[in-house]
Protein backbone atom coordinates (compact mmCIF):
# COMPACT_ATOMS: atom_id res chain seq x y z
CA MET A 1 -26.55 27.61 -12.20
CA ASN A 2 -28.67 29.68 -10.14
CA ILE A 3 -26.41 28.92 -6.99
CA THR A 4 -23.76 31.54 -6.25
CA LYS A 5 -20.40 31.70 -3.92
CA ARG A 6 -22.27 34.71 -2.12
CA ASP A 7 -25.56 32.35 -1.34
CA ILE A 8 -23.08 29.81 -0.09
CA LEU A 9 -21.24 32.18 2.08
CA GLU A 10 -24.08 33.35 3.59
CA LEU A 11 -25.10 30.20 4.99
CA ARG A 12 -21.71 29.35 5.96
CA ARG A 13 -21.33 32.32 8.12
CA ARG A 14 -24.62 31.24 9.92
CA MET A 15 -22.75 28.03 11.37
CA LYS A 16 -21.63 29.82 14.51
CA LYS A 17 -22.96 29.78 17.64
CA THR A 18 -24.21 33.48 17.71
CA GLU A 19 -25.86 32.94 14.49
CA CYS A 20 -26.93 29.55 14.55
CA SER A 21 -30.65 28.47 14.47
CA VAL A 22 -30.48 24.57 14.00
CA THR A 23 -33.23 23.34 15.79
CA ARG A 24 -32.50 19.53 15.82
CA VAL A 25 -29.75 17.03 14.77
CA CYS A 26 -30.16 13.17 14.03
CA GLY A 27 -27.64 10.45 13.46
CA CYS A 28 -27.07 6.92 12.48
CA TYR A 29 -24.39 5.17 13.32
CA VAL A 30 -23.25 2.46 10.50
CA ASN A 31 -20.26 -0.25 10.84
CA SER A 32 -18.25 -1.77 8.12
CA GLY A 33 -20.93 -4.48 7.60
CA LYS A 34 -23.68 -1.92 6.90
CA GLN A 35 -25.49 -2.81 10.11
CA VAL A 36 -26.68 -0.01 12.10
CA VAL A 37 -25.22 0.43 15.29
CA LEU A 38 -26.87 3.68 16.99
CA LYS A 39 -29.55 6.03 16.34
CA PHE A 40 -30.26 9.26 18.07
CA SER A 41 -32.09 12.52 17.97
CA GLU A 42 -31.45 15.39 19.78
CA PRO A 43 -32.62 19.39 20.23
CA PHE A 44 -29.64 20.99 18.88
CA LEU A 45 -29.35 23.75 21.68
CA ASP A 46 -29.47 20.86 24.37
CA LEU A 47 -26.11 19.77 23.45
CA GLU A 48 -23.27 20.16 25.51
CA GLU A 49 -20.88 23.02 24.48
CA ASP A 50 -18.06 21.02 23.06
CA GLU A 51 -20.43 18.62 21.13
CA PHE A 52 -22.36 21.78 19.96
CA PHE A 53 -19.06 23.04 18.28
CA LYS A 54 -18.04 19.78 16.81
CA TYR A 55 -21.22 19.28 15.12
CA LEU A 56 -21.51 22.78 13.83
CA GLU A 57 -17.93 22.21 12.46
CA ILE A 58 -19.21 19.41 10.32
CA ALA A 59 -22.38 21.26 9.22
CA LYS A 60 -19.88 24.09 8.20
CA LYS A 61 -17.45 21.85 6.43
CA THR A 62 -20.83 20.50 4.12
CA LEU A 63 -21.07 24.08 2.88
CA SER A 64 -17.23 24.30 1.78
CA GLY A 65 -15.28 24.17 -1.24
CA THR A 66 -15.46 25.60 -5.20
CA LEU A 67 -18.76 25.69 -7.26
CA GLY A 68 -18.64 23.36 -9.68
CA ASN A 69 -16.05 21.18 -8.18
CA ASN A 70 -16.40 20.63 -4.30
CA LEU A 71 -20.00 21.46 -4.35
CA LEU A 72 -22.45 20.73 -7.39
CA GLU A 73 -26.10 22.28 -7.82
CA LEU A 74 -28.12 19.18 -8.79
CA GLU A 75 -31.39 19.19 -10.21
CA PHE A 76 -33.91 16.31 -10.07
CA ASP A 77 -34.42 13.87 -12.84
CA ARG A 78 -37.59 13.78 -15.02
CA THR A 79 -39.08 10.67 -13.76
CA GLU A 80 -41.71 9.52 -11.56
CA ASP A 81 -39.21 8.01 -9.15
CA ALA A 82 -37.22 11.54 -9.16
CA ALA A 83 -40.49 13.29 -8.51
CA ALA A 84 -41.32 10.49 -5.48
CA ARG A 85 -37.85 11.23 -3.95
CA GLN A 86 -38.23 14.95 -4.18
CA GLN A 87 -41.78 14.63 -2.64
CA TYR A 88 -40.19 12.43 0.20
CA LEU A 89 -37.55 15.09 1.15
CA LEU A 90 -40.03 17.84 1.56
CA ALA A 91 -41.81 15.61 3.75
CA LEU A 92 -38.90 14.90 5.84
CA LYS A 93 -38.43 18.66 5.80
CA GLY A 94 -41.29 19.32 6.96
CA SER A 95 -41.54 17.09 9.72
CA LYS A 96 -38.63 18.84 11.23
CA LEU A 97 -36.67 15.37 11.60
CA LYS A 98 -39.29 14.45 14.21
CA ASN A 99 -40.98 11.42 12.22
CA ASP A 100 -38.67 8.55 12.87
CA GLU A 101 -40.30 6.47 9.72
CA LEU A 102 -39.10 9.10 7.48
CA LEU A 103 -35.78 9.30 9.20
CA ASP A 104 -35.28 5.64 8.81
CA ARG A 105 -36.15 5.44 5.05
CA LEU A 106 -33.56 8.27 4.70
CA TYR A 107 -30.67 5.83 6.52
CA GLU A 108 -31.88 2.86 4.75
CA GLN A 109 -31.15 4.77 1.21
CA ILE A 110 -27.86 6.01 2.15
CA ILE A 111 -26.70 2.43 3.77
CA GLU A 112 -27.84 1.04 0.55
CA HIS A 113 -26.24 3.06 -1.99
CA TYR A 114 -23.08 4.79 -0.33
CA ARG A 115 -20.32 3.00 -1.17
CA TYR A 116 -17.72 2.90 1.69
CA PRO A 117 -15.61 -0.06 3.24
CA GLY A 118 -15.64 1.15 6.74
CA ASN A 119 -17.35 2.67 9.41
CA TYR A 120 -19.61 6.17 9.10
CA LEU A 121 -21.93 8.03 10.82
CA ILE A 122 -24.90 9.79 9.08
CA LEU A 123 -26.09 13.47 10.13
CA VAL A 124 -29.16 15.23 9.32
CA TYR A 125 -29.87 18.72 10.46
CA HIS A 126 -33.06 20.68 10.33
CA ASP A 127 -32.63 24.77 10.38
CA VAL A 128 -34.73 27.58 9.62
CA TYR A 129 -33.43 30.85 8.79
CA ASP A 130 -35.19 33.76 8.88
CA VAL A 131 -33.86 35.56 5.47
CA MET A 132 -33.41 39.49 5.81
CA THR A 133 -34.01 41.87 3.40
CA ARG A 134 -30.90 43.43 1.97
CA THR A 135 -30.54 46.89 0.57
CA SER A 136 -28.72 47.14 -2.84
CA ASP A 137 -25.34 47.98 -0.67
CA ARG A 138 -25.54 44.46 0.81
CA GLN A 139 -26.57 46.07 4.53
CA LYS A 140 -29.29 44.31 6.43
CA LEU A 141 -32.51 45.14 6.89
CA ASP A 142 -34.43 44.57 9.96
CA GLU A 143 -37.55 42.84 8.08
CA SER A 144 -38.03 39.28 6.93
CA GLU A 145 -37.85 38.56 3.65
CA GLU A 146 -38.43 34.64 3.46
CA ILE A 147 -38.17 31.91 5.98
CA TYR A 148 -35.60 29.25 4.44
CA GLU A 149 -36.48 25.97 6.17
CA TYR A 150 -33.79 23.29 5.25
CA LEU A 151 -32.43 19.58 5.76
CA LEU A 152 -28.46 19.52 6.07
CA CYS A 153 -27.04 16.18 5.64
CA ALA A 154 -23.39 14.99 6.18
CA VAL A 155 -21.98 11.34 5.55
CA CYS A 156 -18.64 10.98 8.02
CA PRO A 157 -16.24 8.49 8.13
CA VAL A 158 -15.48 7.08 11.62
CA GLU A 159 -12.23 5.83 12.12
CA LEU A 160 -9.97 4.51 14.79
CA SER A 161 -7.24 6.95 16.50
CA LYS A 162 -3.87 6.09 15.66
CA PRO A 163 -2.04 4.02 18.03
CA GLY A 164 0.60 5.65 20.62
CA LEU A 165 1.96 6.21 23.84
CA GLY A 166 0.22 8.27 26.59
CA TYR A 167 0.10 9.26 30.26
CA ARG A 168 -2.23 6.67 32.32
CA GLU A 169 -2.93 8.98 35.29
CA GLU A 170 -4.42 6.05 37.53
CA GLU A 171 -0.85 4.22 37.12
CA ASN A 172 1.33 7.08 37.16
CA ARG A 173 3.25 5.85 34.22
CA ILE A 174 3.59 6.49 30.35
CA GLY A 175 1.57 3.36 28.62
CA ALA A 176 -0.29 2.82 25.47
CA ARG A 177 -2.96 4.90 24.59
CA ALA A 178 -6.48 3.64 24.60
CA ARG A 179 -7.65 4.02 20.54
CA ASP A 180 -11.16 5.61 20.14
CA TRP A 181 -13.58 5.70 17.32
CA VAL A 182 -13.28 9.16 15.87
CA VAL A 183 -15.71 10.88 13.80
CA GLY A 184 -14.07 12.54 10.90
CA LEU A 185 -15.26 15.64 8.76
CA PRO A 186 -17.78 14.45 5.96
CA ASP A 187 -17.00 12.71 2.75
CA LEU A 188 -20.10 13.68 1.31
CA GLY A 189 -23.34 15.75 1.93
CA PHE A 190 -25.88 17.73 0.66
CA VAL A 191 -28.36 20.75 1.12
CA TYR A 192 -32.14 20.69 0.51
CA PRO A 193 -34.05 22.74 -0.51
CA ALA A 194 -31.17 24.62 -2.39
CA PHE A 195 -30.28 28.07 -1.39
CA ALA A 196 -30.06 30.26 -4.38
CA GLU A 197 -30.45 34.08 -4.66
CA ARG A 198 -31.08 33.70 -1.00
CA GLY A 199 -34.10 31.67 -1.29
CA SER A 200 -35.43 28.08 -1.44
CA ASP A 201 -35.25 26.20 -4.58
CA VAL A 202 -37.29 23.14 -4.24
CA SER A 203 -36.00 21.99 -7.62
CA ALA A 204 -32.35 21.73 -6.57
CA ALA A 205 -29.97 20.42 -4.08
CA LEU A 206 -26.68 21.59 -3.14
CA TYR A 207 -24.26 18.64 -3.13
CA TYR A 208 -20.81 18.25 -1.17
CA LEU A 209 -17.98 16.43 -1.79
CA LYS A 210 -14.58 16.13 0.13
CA ASN A 211 -12.72 14.39 -2.63
CA ALA A 212 -13.52 16.20 -5.97
CA LYS A 213 -12.51 13.12 -8.09
CA GLU A 214 -15.29 10.94 -6.67
CA SER A 215 -18.65 12.14 -7.26
CA HIS A 216 -20.68 9.06 -6.17
CA PRO A 217 -23.26 9.43 -8.89
CA GLU A 218 -25.02 6.09 -7.33
CA PHE A 219 -25.67 8.36 -4.09
CA VAL A 220 -26.92 11.26 -6.48
CA GLU A 221 -29.13 9.25 -8.53
CA ASN A 222 -30.66 6.85 -6.14
CA VAL A 223 -30.67 8.65 -2.68
CA LEU A 224 -31.65 12.24 -4.03
CA GLY A 225 -33.25 11.15 -7.16
CA CYS A 226 -31.04 13.81 -9.12
CA VAL A 227 -29.11 13.95 -12.34
CA SER A 228 -25.39 13.21 -11.59
CA GLN A 229 -22.84 15.37 -12.96
CA ARG A 230 -19.02 15.06 -12.97
CA THR A 231 -17.13 17.65 -10.88
CA ALA A 232 -14.44 19.86 -12.76
CA ALA A 233 -11.82 17.46 -11.51
CA GLU A 234 -13.54 14.48 -13.15
CA GLU A 235 -14.01 16.41 -16.35
CA ARG A 236 -10.33 17.37 -16.39
CA GLU A 237 -9.05 13.91 -16.06
CA THR A 238 -11.23 12.44 -18.49
CA PHE A 239 -10.09 15.31 -20.98
CA GLU A 240 -6.81 14.46 -20.40
CA THR A 241 -7.40 10.56 -20.78
CA ILE A 242 -9.11 11.37 -24.22
CA VAL A 243 -6.30 13.45 -25.50
CA LYS A 244 -3.36 11.23 -24.43
CA SER A 245 -5.11 8.04 -25.76
CA ALA A 246 -5.59 9.70 -29.38
CA PHE A 247 -1.60 9.63 -29.49
CA GLY A 248 -1.31 5.45 -28.72
CA GLU A 249 2.02 4.44 -26.93
CA GLU A 250 3.56 7.94 -28.31
CA GLU A 251 3.69 9.29 -24.57
CA GLU A 252 6.27 12.16 -25.43
CA GLN A 253 3.99 13.41 -28.39
CA ALA A 254 0.88 13.08 -25.88
CA GLU A 255 2.47 15.47 -23.23
CA THR A 256 3.46 17.83 -25.85
CA ALA A 257 0.21 18.19 -27.39
CA PHE A 258 -1.61 18.43 -24.05
CA LEU A 259 0.59 21.15 -22.71
CA LYS A 260 -0.13 23.20 -25.95
CA ILE A 261 -3.98 22.43 -25.52
CA GLN A 262 -3.86 23.61 -21.93
CA LYS A 263 -2.06 26.86 -22.98
CA ASN A 264 -4.74 27.62 -25.47
CA LEU A 265 -7.37 26.84 -22.99
CA ASN A 266 -5.62 29.08 -20.29
CA GLY A 267 -5.67 31.93 -23.09
CA LEU A 268 -9.25 31.36 -23.62
CA VAL A 269 -9.69 31.67 -19.67
CA VAL A 270 -7.66 34.41 -19.28
CA GLU A 271 -9.18 36.30 -21.81
CA GLN A 272 -12.51 35.82 -20.17
CA GLU A 273 -11.48 36.75 -16.98
CA GLU A 274 -9.91 40.37 -18.01
CA ASP A 275 -13.25 41.14 -19.77
CA GLU A 276 -16.18 40.53 -17.02
CA THR A 277 -18.87 41.46 -19.76
CA LEU A 278 -17.72 37.74 -21.74
CA PRO A 279 -19.71 34.92 -20.57
CA PRO A 280 -17.91 31.48 -19.66
CA VAL A 281 -16.31 29.78 -22.45
CA THR A 282 -18.33 26.56 -23.20
CA LEU A 283 -16.07 24.13 -24.94
CA THR A 284 -18.87 22.82 -26.87
CA ARG A 285 -17.23 19.89 -30.23
CA GLU A 286 -16.57 22.78 -32.40
CA ALA A 287 -14.94 24.78 -30.09
CA VAL A 288 -12.09 22.23 -29.10
CA ALA A 289 -11.90 21.40 -32.58
CA GLY A 290 -10.55 24.92 -32.86
CA VAL A 291 -8.41 24.50 -29.72
CA LEU A 292 -6.62 21.09 -31.19
CA GLU A 293 -6.29 22.80 -34.47
CA ASP A 294 -4.57 25.85 -32.88
CA ALA A 295 -2.24 23.73 -30.86
CA GLY A 296 -1.14 21.85 -34.05
CA VAL A 297 -2.59 18.43 -33.18
CA ALA A 298 -2.07 16.28 -36.30
CA ASP A 299 -5.47 15.27 -38.15
CA SER A 300 -5.44 11.62 -37.31
CA ALA A 301 -5.28 12.24 -33.59
CA ARG A 302 -7.72 15.30 -33.73
CA ALA A 303 -10.23 13.30 -35.54
CA HIS A 304 -9.84 10.76 -32.14
CA ILE A 305 -10.31 13.56 -29.88
CA GLU A 306 -13.20 15.30 -31.48
CA ARG A 307 -14.77 11.95 -31.83
CA ALA A 308 -14.04 10.71 -27.93
CA TYR A 309 -15.06 14.78 -26.64
CA ALA A 310 -18.45 14.23 -28.29
CA GLU A 311 -19.16 10.91 -26.90
CA GLU A 312 -18.43 12.03 -23.45
CA PHE A 313 -19.61 15.49 -23.31
CA GLY A 314 -22.02 15.95 -26.09
CA GLN A 315 -24.91 16.56 -23.95
CA MET A 316 -23.36 18.59 -21.09
CA PRO A 317 -20.15 20.42 -22.96
CA PRO A 318 -17.56 21.87 -19.53
CA ALA A 319 -16.56 25.22 -19.28
CA ALA A 320 -12.98 25.79 -20.33
CA GLN A 321 -12.06 26.62 -16.90
CA ASN A 322 -12.98 23.22 -15.88
CA LEU A 323 -10.53 21.54 -18.16
CA LEU A 324 -7.60 23.72 -17.25
CA ASP A 325 -5.08 22.31 -15.29
CA THR A 326 -3.55 25.75 -13.75
CA LYS A 327 -0.82 24.14 -11.87
CA LEU A 328 0.56 22.08 -15.30
CA VAL A 329 0.31 25.53 -17.19
CA ALA A 330 2.30 27.59 -14.45
CA GLN A 331 4.79 24.87 -14.00
CA SER A 332 5.41 24.76 -17.84
CA ALA A 333 5.78 28.82 -17.59
CA GLN A 334 8.50 28.65 -14.92
CA ARG A 335 10.21 25.41 -16.94
CA GLU A 336 10.55 27.94 -19.65
CA ARG A 337 11.62 31.37 -17.66
CA THR A 338 14.55 28.55 -16.29
CA LEU A 339 15.43 27.27 -19.59
CA ALA A 340 15.81 31.19 -20.82
CA LEU A 341 17.89 32.14 -17.99
CA GLU A 342 20.06 29.11 -18.54
CA GLU A 343 20.29 29.79 -22.07
CA GLN A 344 21.56 33.67 -21.36
CA VAL A 345 24.03 32.21 -18.55
CA SER A 346 25.27 29.82 -21.28
CA ALA A 347 25.68 32.48 -23.65
CA LEU A 348 27.55 35.07 -21.62
CA LYS A 349 29.95 32.12 -20.30
CA GLU A 350 30.68 31.47 -24.14
CA GLN A 351 31.53 35.17 -24.83
CA LEU A 352 33.79 35.46 -21.80
CA ALA A 353 35.67 32.21 -22.99
CA GLN A 354 35.99 33.74 -26.35
CA GLN A 355 37.53 37.03 -25.08
CA ALA A 356 39.56 35.09 -22.83
CA GLU A 357 41.18 33.02 -25.68
CA ALA A 358 41.78 36.16 -27.81
CA GLY A 359 43.29 37.69 -24.78
CA ASP A 360 41.11 40.38 -24.24
CA ASP A 361 41.21 41.06 -20.45
CA ALA A 362 40.22 44.49 -20.75
CA PRO A 363 37.15 45.73 -19.40
CA PRO A 364 34.35 47.37 -21.57
CA TRP A 365 34.85 50.58 -20.98
CA ALA A 366 38.45 50.33 -22.48
CA GLU A 367 37.12 50.47 -25.82
CA THR A 368 36.62 54.08 -25.47
CA GLY A 369 40.27 54.93 -25.29
CA ALA A 370 39.74 56.52 -22.18
CA GLY A 371 43.04 56.45 -19.56
CA ILE A 372 40.89 57.62 -16.61
CA VAL A 373 37.32 56.34 -15.96
CA LEU A 374 35.39 58.14 -13.13
CA GLN A 375 32.36 56.90 -11.73
CA VAL A 376 30.37 59.88 -9.80
CA PRO A 377 26.88 60.63 -9.02
CA GLU A 378 25.46 62.71 -11.78
CA GLU A 379 25.13 66.13 -9.52
CA LYS A 380 29.21 65.69 -8.75
CA ALA A 381 29.85 65.05 -12.44
CA GLU A 382 28.26 69.13 -13.04
CA LYS A 383 31.03 70.40 -10.82
CA ILE A 384 34.04 68.41 -12.28
CA LYS A 385 36.42 70.94 -14.10
CA THR A 386 39.73 71.01 -15.96
CA GLU A 387 42.29 73.59 -14.56
CA VAL A 388 46.05 74.25 -15.11
CA ILE A 389 47.94 73.55 -12.10
CA GLY A 390 51.76 74.46 -12.16
CA GLY A 391 51.72 73.80 -15.93
CA GLN A 392 49.99 70.74 -15.59
CA LYS A 393 46.11 70.22 -17.07
CA CYS A 394 44.46 68.62 -14.41
CA LEU A 395 41.17 67.50 -13.37
CA VAL A 396 39.43 69.13 -10.73
CA ILE A 397 36.86 67.22 -8.44
CA PRO A 398 35.48 69.35 -5.36
CA LEU A 399 34.93 67.37 -2.21
CA GLU A 400 32.43 68.53 0.28
CA ASN A 401 32.63 67.99 4.09
CA GLY A 402 32.84 64.22 4.87
CA GLU A 403 33.06 63.10 1.41
CA SER A 404 35.70 60.66 0.53
CA ALA A 405 37.14 59.09 -2.59
CA CYS A 406 38.63 55.54 -3.78
CA ILE A 407 41.31 55.10 -6.52
CA ASN A 408 41.53 51.50 -8.00
CA GLY A 409 40.01 50.10 -5.08
CA VAL A 410 42.25 52.03 -2.24
CA SER A 411 41.05 54.88 -0.10
CA ALA A 412 42.76 57.85 -1.24
CA ALA A 413 44.23 60.12 1.56
CA LEU A 414 42.86 63.47 1.29
C-alpha cells in the first residue's frame, strides 16, 4: 500500500474555502427507475455560498474513514478492458470535465452497475493541487513540488425529508411541512489518480465506502476496472463465519473458540503495535494454524477452518488487525473483571457469615490482645509517651492548638 493516512489528511485539509482549488463540479440526478432526471456542469467558484459549502462537505466526506476499511487503495486489473478504463479516466481528467460525451459515459457506467433502489446524485469534481515542497520537519516551502490534477466522484443517495409539522407563514398557522428531496452524504466514491507519497499515482485509485460491510465489487470492477478487495469489516465477518461454521450446531463451543482466537489475535496485534520495528502481522494459512493451536481448537474443527480459510484468503492473506474484533475482546475483558470482583465479594460474604456463626464478632485488631487501640498519624505516634501520674501508669498524648480527639465515636471534652 502506497497511500498513507498523511496523504489523505493533506487532501482533506484543502476542502475548505480558503484552501479549495476545485475548478468545476458536474452532476447527474438519477431516479429509482435508473432514468436521468437532470444533468448540470458549473464552475465551482460560481456557486452560491450555501451550495459551495454543501458540495465541499460532500467532497470532504469522500476522503474520510479508515484506510483498509472505509478507504481502499485499488489497483487496476491486468486486462485490456481495465487498461481501456484507465485511459478513459485519464482522458476525463484531462478534459477538465468540459467534455459532455466523456462525462455521459461515466454516468452511464455508474447507472448500469451501481446497485441502489432509490434516487441518487452522481457528482464529479475536477481539482488541481499545487503540491508545495516540504522540509524534513514537515514545514511548507514556497516552491511547487508537483501539480496534482485529479477527479473526485461521489455517489449520494437522495431521499424525501421526513414528514412533520411546520409554520406556514403565508397562512399564519401550523400545518404539514412540505417534503423535499434531500441530497445525503455519499454512499461511495473514488479519487483518481490516487494521491500517494504526496504525488499522483495513475496506477491506483482511492475508493470510499460509507458502509464498510458493503464494498460493491461490481462497481469496482465494471466502473473503475480495478481489482475488487474486501474491506476489513468484510474480512472479519468472513473469518467469523468460517470459524463458527466449523462447529456446526454447537453454538456455545463456536462462541468460546472464536473468543479464544480473538484473544490470541489481540496478543499478536498488541505486540506489533508496541514495537514499531515489527512489520504488520499477515495471517497466512500457517499463521492461522498457529493461532488455532494456541487457542486449543479441536483437530477436526481446526482442519475445517484451515481449509476454508485457504479457499477464502489464499491469494490475499489479511492483516491480523483486520480480523480482530476489538469490541468483543474489550467486552470479554470487562466481563472477566466483573466476575473476578463478584467472586471476591462472594468469598468475603462467606467469610463474614462463618465468623458470625462462630460468634466471632470481635474486630480484626482484637487478635493482638490490646485493650486500647489508637489510630493516629505517624508524626503524632512519635510524640506519645507513658508516664506514671498519681501512681497510675498512663498514656500521654500531646495536643496542639486546634486539635481534638474522638473516643469510641464520641468527641472527648478537652
